[in-house]
Amino acid sequence: MSFYERLSNQKVQYWSLTIVLGLVLLFLTIRMLEVNLTCIDEHKCLLEHCRDHPFKPAYQELLRIEKENNPNCLY
């Protein structure tokens, strides 16, 4: 295939669909990782799907204090 060869409509549709689906998949993967790796919300509260046992004791203490002093923290 030379650089100046005209692509058929089928090839254009194939590559367009491949690029669009690839970008959608990349976006969903990044978004899923971002959500799964984030454990603190904008109110500095621990999110529902997170547990505090993997954190270091000093950070657990900060989370406990924040939860007791912040009415926005549900978990």
C-alpha atoms as a PDB file:
ATOM      1  CA  MET A   1       0.000   0.000   0.000  1.00  0.00           C
ATOM      2  CA  SER A   2       1.578   3.236  -1.063  1.00  0.00           C
ATOM      3  CA  PHE A   3       1.109   6.445   0.871  1.00  0.00           C
ATOM      4  CA  TYR A   4      -1.036   8.013  -1.855  1.00  0.00           C
ATOM      5  CA  GLU A   5      -3.325   5.038  -2.456  1.00  0.00           C
ATOM      6  CA  ARG A   6      -6.994   5.876  -2.080  1.00  0.00           C
ATOM      7  CA  LEU A   7      -8.663   3.925   0.718  1.00  0.00           C
ATOM      8  CA  SER A   8     -12.005   2.256   0.114  1.00  0.00           C
ATOM      9  CA  ASN A   9     -15.045   3.301   2.121  1.00  0.00           C
ATOM     10  CA  GLN A  10     -14.929  -0.019   3.939  1.00  0.00           C
ATOM     11  CA  LYS A  11     -11.350   0.572   5.096  1.00  0.00           C
ATOM     12  CA  VAL A  12     -12.174   4.132   6.167  1.00  0.00           C
ATOM     13  CA  GLN A  13     -15.159   2.873   8.180  1.00  0.00           C
ATOM     14  CA  TYR A  14     -13.062   0.084   9.706  1.00  0.00           C
ATOM     15  CA  TRP A  15     -10.245   2.373  10.816  1.00  0.00           C
ATOM     16  CA  SER A  16     -12.653   5.069  12.030  1.00  0.00           C
ATOM     17  CA  LEU A  17     -14.579   2.550  14.110  1.00  0.00           C
ATOM     18  CA  THR A  18     -11.347   1.016  15.428  1.00  0.00           C
ATOM     19  CA  ILE A  19      -9.997   4.410  16.523  1.00  0.00           C
ATOM     20  CA  VAL A  20     -13.286   5.497  18.125  1.00  0.00           C
ATOM     21  CA  LEU A  21     -13.746   2.207  20.004  1.00  0.00           C
ATOM     22  CA  GLY A  22     -10.101   2.260  21.062  1.00  0.00           C
ATOM     23  CA  LEU A  23     -10.479   5.764  22.486  1.00  0.00           C
ATOM     24  CA  VAL A  24     -13.694   4.806  24.283  1.00  0.00           C
ATOM     25  CA  LEU A  25     -11.983   1.758  25.767  1.00  0.00           C
ATOM     26  CA  LEU A  26      -8.996   3.840  26.843  1.00  0.00           C
ATOM     27  CA  PHE A  27     -11.272   6.448  28.456  1.00  0.00           C
ATOM     28  CA  LEU A  28     -13.288   3.798  30.324  1.00  0.00           C
ATOM     29  CA  THR A  29     -10.128   2.055  31.529  1.00  0.00           C
ATOM     30  CA  ILE A  30      -8.609   5.283  32.852  1.00  0.00           C
ATOM     31  CA  ARG A  31     -11.895   6.304  34.475  1.00  0.00           C
ATOM     32  CA  MET A  32     -12.314   2.885  36.111  1.00  0.00           C
ATOM     33  CA  LEU A  33      -8.777   2.974  37.484  1.00  0.00           C
ATOM     34  CA  GLU A  34      -9.284   6.500  38.762  1.00  0.00           C
ATOM     35  CA  VAL A  35     -12.474   5.539  40.598  1.00  0.00           C
ATOM     36  CA  ASN A  36     -11.069   2.300  41.993  1.00  0.00           C
ATOM     37  CA  LEU A  37      -7.827   3.861  43.181  1.00  0.00           C
ATOM     38  CA  THR A  38      -9.459   6.873  44.838  1.00  0.00           C
ATOM     39  CA  CYS A  39     -10.542   6.309  48.426  1.00  0.00           C
ATOM     40  CA  ILE A  40     -10.997   9.881  49.683  1.00  0.00           C
ATOM     41  CA  ASP A  41     -13.778  12.124  48.413  1.00  0.00           C
ATOM     42  CA  GLU A  42     -13.912  15.925  48.178  1.00  0.00           C
ATOM     43  CA  HIS A  43     -15.100  16.137  51.819  1.00  0.00           C
ATOM     44  CA  LYS A  44     -11.976  14.224  52.959  1.00  0.00           C
ATOM     45  CA  CYS A  45     -14.066  11.176  53.853  1.00  0.00           C
ATOM     46  CA  LEU A  46     -13.368   7.524  53.189  1.00  0.00           C
ATOM     47  CA  LEU A  47     -15.515   6.231  50.331  1.00  0.00           C
ATOM     48  CA  GLU A  48     -17.889   3.294  50.726  1.00  0.00           C
ATOM     49  CA  HIS A  49     -15.916   0.791  48.629  1.00  0.00           C
ATOM     50  CA  CYS A  50     -12.667   1.474  50.521  1.00  0.00           C
ATOM     51  CA  ARG A  51     -11.428  -0.050  53.754  1.00  0.00           C
ATOM     52  CA  ASP A  52      -8.986   1.651  56.083  1.00  0.00           C
ATOM     53  CA  HIS A  53      -6.933  -1.427  57.052  1.00  0.00           C
ATOM     54  CA  PRO A  54      -4.372  -1.100  54.192  1.00  0.00           C
ATOM     55  CA  PHE A  55      -3.432   2.407  55.341  1.00  0.00           C
ATOM     56  CA  LYS A  56      -0.618   3.180  57.747  1.00  0.00           C
ATOM     57  CA  PRO A  57      -1.688   3.720  61.389  1.00  0.00           C
ATOM     58  CA  ALA A  58      -1.031   7.469  61.259  1.00  0.00           C
ATOM     59  CA  TYR A  59      -3.282   7.834  58.211  1.00  0.00           C
ATOM     60  CA  GLN A  60      -5.947   5.645  59.845  1.00  0.00           C
ATOM     61  CA  GLU A  61      -5.920   7.997  62.811  1.00  0.00           C
ATOM     62  CA  LEU A  62      -6.390  11.017  60.526  1.00  0.00           C
ATOM     63  CA  LEU A  63      -9.334   9.291  58.847  1.00  0.00           C
ATOM     64  CA  ARG A  64     -10.893   8.462  62.220  1.00  0.00           C
ATOM     65  CA  ILE A  65     -10.550  12.066  63.425  1.00  0.00           C
ATOM     66  CA  GLU A  66     -11.982  13.416  60.185  1.00  0.00           C
ATOM     67  CA  LYS A  67     -14.918  11.020  60.344  1.00  0.00           C
ATOM     68  CA  GLU A  68     -15.747  12.070  63.906  1.00  0.00           C
ATOM     69  CA  ASN A  69     -15.478  15.808  63.164  1.00  0.00           C
ATOM     70  CA  ASN A  70     -17.053  15.927  59.722  1.00  0.00           C
ATOM     71  CA  PRO A  71     -20.847  15.444  59.457  1.00  0.00           C
ATOM     72  CA  ASN A  72     -20.503  14.726  55.716  1.00  0.00           C
ATOM     73  CA  CYS A  73     -18.672  11.457  56.367  1.00  0.00           C
ATOM     74  CA  LEU A  74     -21.028   8.497  56.185  1.00  0.00           C
ATOM     75  CA  TYR A  75     -18.539   5.636  56.390  1.00  0.00           C
END
